[in-house]
């Protein structure tokens, strides 16, 4: 029998104090809130989260803010004033997790660094997200995604070899850091079940970005050569790239000898399989430009739809290179309820649903993104 679905998500009963802004922290706390935690988003009273002021807007709301701040309650506190600081201290007494993304040292000046917060609540999990972490010679520097992409090497790996280094089109370092923060918090909570004590979770955007640079690192260690931009090619595999078809681009991933044979059969060029220029993956990587010319000569006569039908029939990994609108029209989006709709009195909010799908205790997304200070009275009255 399938497991019984409960109405209680896995983090139900946890209280999270969210002192973060913009992307990495809000992404993490949104995921915690989706899974049942009560997330109190502490915002300064006048403007709130910086991203509230970033367009484009939907009926007066920042679309940027809407996509990262559901499943939270907004509480406005001025931490530089006595009553605001006192309210936060009392909230910390009741909390399981505090997450912040201030520049290292900034919260110490307000009396809310890890040492001060853990003295208030020994069981508190305190998570810090910063550009370079809480230690090291660059710890004091501000960390923004674009800067970290440059510093961590991903920009030099992105783009075409005859063009300038290129930033990845989304804030990849922020999202990676948010995912690692979620992981660190859950690990610390698990340890607290045994030890009864909280701890400090230290997440650096720089570390997060470097953690996924393993393939370039392997190439550097193996060859002594610094790998750089290869456009849509793969450093170690061919064909593993986007190719022009009659009506657009298709991306293929031919990652082993069996796939190469099936690929050649599917496109009607079985002779390529035994061509000495392309016989092994190493040969194909060495002669990738000649191979690309051969393939695009075939693909120019076929539409993306025709190619994907042929290749998928042979179980060759491939797909259409889609725009954002086309990606949302993908049949998997509807089949897996990937778009989530929520209502506020003044607008309908569409966001991407939680990625983690649990069979017995699934996410329970109830709260739409909050107006600035919407829950201040409710939460402070509890104190």
Protein backbone atom coordinates (compact mmCIF):
# COMPACT_ATOMS: atom_id res chain seq x y z
CA UNK A 1 0.00 0.00 0.00
CA UNK A 2 1.21 3.58 -0.65
CA UNK A 3 2.19 5.59 2.44
CA UNK A 4 -0.54 7.66 4.06
CA UNK A 5 -0.16 11.36 3.36
CA UNK A 6 -0.36 13.42 6.55
CA UNK A 7 -1.38 17.06 6.87
CA UNK A 8 1.69 17.84 8.96
CA UNK A 9 4.82 18.72 6.94
CA UNK A 10 8.19 17.58 8.34
CA UNK A 11 9.32 20.89 9.87
CA UNK A 12 6.02 21.67 11.56
CA UNK A 13 6.63 23.22 14.99
CA UNK A 14 10.00 24.80 14.16
CA UNK A 15 10.37 28.56 14.49
CA UNK A 16 12.89 30.32 12.24
CA UNK A 17 14.08 33.90 12.75
CA UNK A 18 14.99 35.20 9.29
CA UNK A 19 17.37 38.18 9.25
CA UNK A 20 18.27 37.76 5.57
CA UNK A 21 17.65 39.79 2.45
CA UNK A 22 17.69 39.44 -1.34
CA UNK A 23 18.36 35.83 -2.57
CA UNK A 24 20.48 33.25 -0.71
CA UNK A 25 18.91 33.57 2.73
CA UNK A 26 15.33 34.16 1.55
CA UNK A 27 15.61 31.13 -0.76
CA UNK A 28 16.69 28.97 2.18
CA UNK A 29 13.99 30.25 4.52
CA UNK A 30 11.30 29.89 1.86
CA UNK A 31 12.21 26.20 1.56
CA UNK A 32 12.09 25.84 5.36
CA UNK A 33 8.69 27.54 5.42
CA UNK A 34 7.35 25.39 2.59
CA UNK A 35 8.18 22.34 4.69
CA UNK A 36 6.21 23.60 7.68
CA UNK A 37 8.53 25.84 9.70
CA UNK A 38 7.13 29.12 11.01
CA UNK A 39 9.44 31.67 9.38
CA UNK A 40 9.48 35.16 10.87
CA UNK A 41 11.02 37.50 8.32
CA UNK A 42 12.47 40.38 10.35
CA UNK A 43 12.57 43.54 8.21
CA UNK A 44 13.55 47.12 8.89
CA UNK A 45 10.36 49.19 9.10
CA UNK A 46 10.83 51.72 6.31
CA UNK A 47 11.81 49.71 3.22
CA UNK A 48 12.11 46.09 4.30
CA UNK A 49 14.01 43.57 2.21
CA UNK A 50 16.03 45.36 -0.49
CA UNK A 51 14.34 43.26 -3.17
CA UNK A 52 10.93 44.79 -2.40
CA UNK A 53 12.19 47.77 -4.39
CA UNK A 54 13.37 45.85 -7.45
CA UNK A 55 11.21 45.74 -10.57
CA UNK A 56 9.51 44.70 -12.67
CA UNK A 57 6.34 45.01 -10.62
CA UNK A 58 3.04 43.16 -10.52
CA UNK A 59 0.28 45.40 -9.18
CA UNK A 60 2.82 47.28 -7.06
CA UNK A 61 4.68 44.19 -5.83
CA UNK A 62 8.24 43.37 -6.84
CA UNK A 63 8.17 40.21 -8.95
CA UNK A 64 11.68 39.47 -7.59
CA UNK A 65 10.41 39.56 -3.98
CA UNK A 66 7.33 37.48 -4.75
CA UNK A 67 9.38 34.57 -6.11
CA UNK A 68 11.48 34.15 -2.94
CA UNK A 69 9.30 35.06 0.02
CA UNK A 70 6.19 32.91 0.30
CA UNK A 71 5.66 30.75 3.42
CA UNK A 72 6.82 33.58 5.74
CA UNK A 73 5.44 36.16 8.15
CA UNK A 74 6.82 39.70 7.97
CA UNK A 75 7.71 41.38 11.28
CA UNK A 76 9.16 44.89 11.21
CA UNK A 77 11.70 45.72 13.93
CA UNK A 78 14.25 48.51 14.20
CA UNK A 79 17.16 46.65 15.79
CA UNK A 80 18.98 49.91 16.50
CA UNK A 81 16.24 50.91 18.92
CA UNK A 82 15.91 49.45 22.40
CA UNK A 83 12.39 48.11 21.94
CA UNK A 84 13.23 46.47 18.60
CA UNK A 85 16.34 44.79 19.99
CA UNK A 86 14.46 43.62 23.06
CA UNK A 87 11.71 42.10 20.90
CA UNK A 88 14.27 40.19 18.86
CA UNK A 89 15.92 38.84 22.03
CA UNK A 90 12.57 37.54 23.21
CA UNK A 91 11.92 35.98 19.80
CA UNK A 92 15.32 34.27 19.92
CA UNK A 93 14.29 32.69 23.23
CA UNK A 94 11.42 30.99 21.38
CA UNK A 95 13.30 30.09 18.18
CA UNK A 96 14.91 26.93 16.84
CA UNK A 97 16.86 28.58 14.01
CA UNK A 98 18.24 32.04 13.30
CA UNK A 99 19.60 32.74 9.82
CA UNK A 100 21.38 35.95 8.80
CA UNK A 101 23.37 37.29 5.86
CA UNK A 102 24.92 40.43 7.33
CA UNK A 103 28.55 41.21 6.64
CA UNK A 104 30.62 39.30 9.26
CA UNK A 105 30.93 41.38 12.42
CA UNK A 106 27.93 43.63 11.75
CA UNK A 107 25.52 41.81 14.06
CA UNK A 108 28.08 41.77 16.88
CA UNK A 109 27.72 45.56 17.04
CA UNK A 110 23.98 45.09 17.66
CA UNK A 111 24.46 42.27 20.16
CA UNK A 112 23.13 39.51 17.91
CA UNK A 113 26.24 37.62 16.81
CA UNK A 114 26.41 33.87 17.36
CA UNK A 115 27.96 34.12 20.82
CA UNK A 116 25.29 36.55 22.04
CA UNK A 117 22.37 34.66 20.48
CA UNK A 118 23.51 31.26 21.75
CA UNK A 119 23.84 32.73 25.24
CA UNK A 120 20.14 33.60 25.03
CA UNK A 121 19.16 30.16 23.67
CA UNK A 122 21.62 27.25 23.94
CA UNK A 123 19.55 25.13 21.53
CA UNK A 124 19.57 27.75 18.77
CA UNK A 125 20.86 26.79 15.32
CA UNK A 126 22.52 29.97 14.03
CA UNK A 127 23.23 30.05 10.30
CA UNK A 128 25.37 32.76 8.70
CA UNK A 129 25.54 33.27 4.93
CA UNK A 130 28.23 35.60 3.62
CA UNK A 131 30.40 36.15 0.59
CA UNK A 132 33.59 34.53 1.88
CA UNK A 133 32.60 32.96 5.21
CA UNK A 134 33.26 33.96 8.79
CA UNK A 135 37.02 33.33 8.65
CA UNK A 136 39.90 34.11 6.31
CA UNK A 137 41.47 37.30 4.94
CA UNK A 138 38.43 38.19 2.78
CA UNK A 139 35.78 37.50 5.43
CA UNK A 140 35.15 41.21 5.93
CA UNK A 141 34.33 41.88 2.27
CA UNK A 142 30.75 42.12 0.96
CA UNK A 143 29.69 39.19 -1.19
CA UNK A 144 27.40 39.57 -4.19
CA UNK A 145 26.69 36.87 -6.73
CA UNK A 146 28.29 38.67 -9.68
CA UNK A 147 31.52 39.29 -7.75
CA UNK A 148 31.71 35.70 -6.49
CA UNK A 149 31.12 34.32 -9.99
CA UNK A 150 34.22 36.23 -11.06
CA UNK A 151 36.29 35.29 -8.02
CA UNK A 152 35.40 31.58 -8.04
CA UNK A 153 36.25 30.96 -11.70
CA UNK A 154 32.79 30.25 -13.12
CA UNK A 155 32.83 33.37 -15.32
CA UNK A 156 36.08 32.31 -16.95
CA UNK A 157 34.44 28.96 -17.72
CA UNK A 158 31.28 30.49 -19.18
CA UNK A 159 30.86 31.82 -22.72
CA UNK A 160 32.71 31.26 -25.97
CA UNK A 161 36.52 31.16 -26.28
CA UNK A 162 36.69 34.21 -28.55
CA UNK A 163 34.47 36.34 -26.30
CA UNK A 164 34.77 37.88 -22.85
CA UNK A 165 34.07 35.89 -19.63
CA UNK A 166 30.32 35.70 -19.05
CA UNK A 167 28.23 35.69 -15.91
CA UNK A 168 25.76 32.82 -15.56
CA UNK A 169 22.30 34.24 -16.28
CA UNK A 170 20.88 33.55 -12.81
CA UNK A 171 22.36 34.21 -9.35
CA UNK A 172 23.82 30.72 -9.19
CA UNK A 173 26.11 31.37 -6.20
CA UNK A 174 23.17 32.63 -4.13
CA UNK A 175 20.99 29.63 -4.91
CA UNK A 176 23.82 27.19 -4.20
CA UNK A 177 24.51 28.92 -0.89
CA UNK A 178 20.81 28.79 -0.01
CA UNK A 179 20.72 25.05 -0.70
CA UNK A 180 23.86 24.46 1.40
CA UNK A 181 22.37 26.58 4.20
CA UNK A 182 19.25 24.41 4.17
CA UNK A 183 21.44 21.31 4.34
CA UNK A 184 23.56 22.72 7.17
CA UNK A 185 20.51 23.73 9.22
CA UNK A 186 18.91 20.29 8.86
CA UNK A 187 22.17 18.59 9.84
CA UNK A 188 22.51 20.83 12.90
CA UNK A 189 18.91 20.12 13.88
CA UNK A 190 19.59 16.40 13.59
CA UNK A 191 22.63 16.73 15.83
CA UNK A 192 20.60 18.74 18.34
CA UNK A 193 18.30 15.76 18.76
CA UNK A 194 21.32 13.88 20.18
CA UNK A 195 23.26 16.63 21.93
CA UNK A 196 20.55 19.04 23.00
CA UNK A 197 22.71 21.92 21.79
CA UNK A 198 22.66 24.25 18.83
CA UNK A 199 25.67 25.30 16.77
CA UNK A 200 26.92 27.80 14.20
CA UNK A 201 26.43 26.97 10.49
CA UNK A 202 28.90 28.99 8.37
CA UNK A 203 28.04 29.19 4.65
CA UNK A 204 30.15 31.11 2.11
CA UNK A 205 29.01 31.91 -1.42
CA UNK A 206 32.64 31.50 -2.53
CA UNK A 207 32.84 27.98 -1.07
CA UNK A 208 29.47 27.06 -2.57
CA UNK A 209 30.52 28.13 -6.07
CA UNK A 210 33.90 26.40 -5.88
CA UNK A 211 32.19 23.19 -4.74
CA UNK A 212 30.65 22.65 -8.20
CA UNK A 213 33.84 23.46 -10.12
CA UNK A 214 35.05 19.87 -9.79
CA UNK A 215 35.31 19.04 -13.48
CA UNK A 216 37.51 22.07 -14.30
CA UNK A 217 39.59 21.25 -11.21
CA UNK A 218 40.04 17.68 -12.45
CA UNK A 219 41.18 18.92 -15.87
CA UNK A 220 43.66 21.30 -14.24
CA UNK A 221 45.09 18.59 -11.98
CA UNK A 222 45.28 16.03 -14.79
CA UNK A 223 46.82 18.22 -17.47
CA UNK A 224 48.38 21.19 -15.71
CA UNK A 225 46.47 23.36 -18.18
CA UNK A 226 44.02 25.95 -16.96
CA UNK A 227 40.63 25.08 -18.55
CA UNK A 228 38.67 27.99 -19.95
CA UNK A 229 35.61 28.79 -22.05
CA UNK A 230 34.39 26.20 -24.56
CA UNK A 231 30.98 27.71 -25.34
CA UNK A 232 28.28 25.04 -25.26
CA UNK A 233 30.79 22.21 -25.62
CA UNK A 234 31.83 19.90 -22.79
CA UNK A 235 35.42 19.75 -21.60
CA UNK A 236 35.55 15.95 -21.70
CA UNK A 237 32.66 14.62 -23.84
CA UNK A 238 31.50 15.02 -27.46
CA UNK A 239 28.92 15.43 -28.81
CA UNK A 240 27.57 17.00 -25.62
CA UNK A 241 26.36 20.39 -26.82
CA UNK A 242 23.68 22.41 -28.57
CA UNK A 243 23.45 22.05 -32.34
CA UNK A 244 21.52 24.04 -34.90
CA UNK A 245 18.55 22.28 -36.51
CA UNK A 246 16.18 23.47 -39.23
CA UNK A 247 13.97 25.50 -36.88
CA UNK A 248 16.00 26.04 -33.71
CA UNK A 249 18.55 24.44 -31.41
CA UNK A 250 18.65 20.95 -29.95
CA UNK A 251 20.96 19.88 -27.16
CA UNK A 252 22.36 16.34 -27.13
CA UNK A 253 24.29 14.43 -24.49
CA UNK A 254 26.12 11.45 -26.00
CA UNK A 255 28.13 10.38 -22.99
CA UNK A 256 29.20 6.78 -23.69
CA UNK A 257 30.00 4.41 -26.59
CA UNK A 258 26.54 2.78 -26.60
CA UNK A 259 24.86 6.15 -26.91
CA UNK A 260 27.23 7.13 -29.73
CA UNK A 261 26.20 4.07 -31.75
CA UNK A 262 22.49 4.68 -31.16
CA UNK A 263 22.94 8.38 -31.93
CA UNK A 264 24.54 7.65 -35.33
CA UNK A 265 21.76 5.21 -36.22
CA UNK A 266 19.02 7.62 -35.15
CA UNK A 267 20.27 10.46 -37.35
CA UNK A 268 20.76 8.16 -40.33
CA UNK A 269 24.57 8.33 -40.37
CA UNK A 270 25.77 4.89 -39.16
CA UNK A 271 29.08 5.39 -40.98
CA UNK A 272 30.06 8.06 -38.45
CA UNK A 273 30.19 5.39 -35.77
CA UNK A 274 33.30 3.78 -37.26
CA UNK A 275 34.88 6.88 -38.75
CA UNK A 276 38.43 6.87 -37.28
CA UNK A 277 38.09 10.59 -36.51
CA UNK A 278 35.16 9.84 -34.21
CA UNK A 279 35.68 6.24 -33.13
CA UNK A 280 36.25 7.00 -29.43
CA UNK A 281 35.12 9.80 -27.16
CA UNK A 282 38.71 11.09 -27.06
CA UNK A 283 38.74 11.18 -30.87
CA UNK A 284 35.45 13.06 -30.90
CA UNK A 285 36.69 15.63 -28.37
CA UNK A 286 39.90 16.12 -30.36
CA UNK A 287 37.97 16.55 -33.61
CA UNK A 288 34.89 18.21 -32.16
CA UNK A 289 34.75 21.06 -34.71
CA UNK A 290 34.78 18.67 -37.69
CA UNK A 291 32.19 16.50 -35.93
CA UNK A 292 29.97 19.52 -35.32
CA UNK A 293 30.08 20.42 -39.02
CA UNK A 294 29.11 16.87 -39.98
CA UNK A 295 26.21 16.82 -37.52
CA UNK A 296 24.82 20.25 -38.35
CA UNK A 297 24.83 19.34 -42.05
CA UNK A 298 22.44 16.51 -41.16
CA UNK A 299 20.45 18.52 -38.59
CA UNK A 300 19.86 21.41 -41.02
CA UNK A 301 17.39 19.21 -42.92
CA UNK A 302 15.40 18.24 -39.82
CA UNK A 303 13.31 20.17 -37.31
CA UNK A 304 13.98 19.98 -33.59
CA UNK A 305 10.77 17.98 -33.21
CA UNK A 306 11.82 15.45 -35.84
CA UNK A 307 15.26 15.07 -34.28
CA UNK A 308 13.99 14.64 -30.72
CA UNK A 309 11.50 12.01 -31.91
CA UNK A 310 14.28 10.04 -33.62
CA UNK A 311 16.76 10.37 -30.78
CA UNK A 312 14.29 9.67 -27.96
CA UNK A 313 13.15 6.54 -29.80
CA UNK A 314 16.76 5.32 -29.39
CA UNK A 315 16.94 6.56 -25.76
CA UNK A 316 19.55 9.17 -26.63
CA UNK A 317 19.41 12.10 -24.17
CA UNK A 318 18.35 15.24 -26.01
CA UNK A 319 16.05 18.23 -25.70
CA UNK A 320 14.90 21.48 -27.23
CA UNK A 321 16.77 24.61 -26.18
CA UNK A 322 13.78 26.46 -24.76
CA UNK A 323 12.98 30.02 -23.79
CA UNK A 324 11.56 30.70 -20.31
CA UNK A 325 8.02 30.77 -21.73
CA UNK A 326 8.62 27.50 -23.60
CA UNK A 327 10.08 25.89 -20.48
CA UNK A 328 6.86 26.66 -18.58
CA UNK A 329 4.90 25.05 -21.44
CA UNK A 330 6.82 21.78 -20.99
CA UNK A 331 4.39 18.91 -20.32
CA UNK A 332 6.26 18.01 -17.13
CA UNK A 333 5.27 21.36 -15.58
CA UNK A 334 1.58 20.48 -15.58
CA UNK A 335 2.11 16.80 -14.80
CA UNK A 336 4.17 17.55 -11.68
CA UNK A 337 2.32 20.68 -10.51
CA UNK A 338 5.50 22.71 -10.91
CA UNK A 339 3.68 26.05 -10.94
CA UNK A 340 2.01 27.07 -7.69
CA UNK A 341 -0.71 29.73 -7.49
CA UNK A 342 -1.55 31.72 -4.35
CA UNK A 343 -3.97 34.54 -3.70
CA UNK A 344 -3.47 37.83 -1.95
CA UNK A 345 -6.35 40.31 -1.76
CA UNK A 346 -4.69 42.54 -4.33
CA UNK A 347 -3.06 40.01 -6.69
CA UNK A 348 -2.58 36.42 -7.78
CA UNK A 349 0.94 35.14 -7.10
CA UNK A 350 2.48 32.45 -9.32
CA UNK A 351 5.69 30.84 -8.12
CA UNK A 352 7.61 27.61 -8.67
CA UNK A 353 6.51 24.83 -6.35
CA UNK A 354 8.86 23.06 -3.91
CA UNK A 355 11.28 20.76 -5.70
CA UNK A 356 11.49 18.13 -2.95
CA UNK A 357 8.45 15.85 -3.16
CA UNK A 358 7.91 13.73 -0.07
CA UNK A 359 5.43 10.86 -0.31
CA UNK A 360 4.19 10.87 3.29
CA UNK A 361 4.87 14.39 4.63
CA UNK A 362 4.82 16.68 1.58
CA UNK A 363 5.30 20.43 1.61
CA UNK A 364 2.27 22.43 2.67
CA UNK A 365 2.50 25.88 1.11
CA UNK A 366 -0.11 28.12 2.69
CA UNK A 367 1.22 31.64 3.24
CA UNK A 368 1.60 33.92 0.20
CA UNK A 369 4.46 36.46 0.23
CA UNK A 370 3.78 38.95 3.06
CA UNK A 371 3.27 42.69 2.91
CA UNK A 372 5.90 44.63 4.85
CA UNK A 373 5.11 44.27 8.56
CA UNK A 374 1.92 42.31 7.89
CA UNK A 375 2.40 40.03 10.91
CA UNK A 376 4.17 42.37 13.35
CA UNK A 377 1.15 42.86 15.63
CA UNK A 378 0.32 39.13 15.67
CA UNK A 379 3.83 38.02 16.62
CA UNK A 380 4.63 40.76 19.13
CA UNK A 381 1.31 40.19 20.92
CA UNK A 382 2.41 36.58 21.45
CA UNK A 383 5.42 37.89 23.37
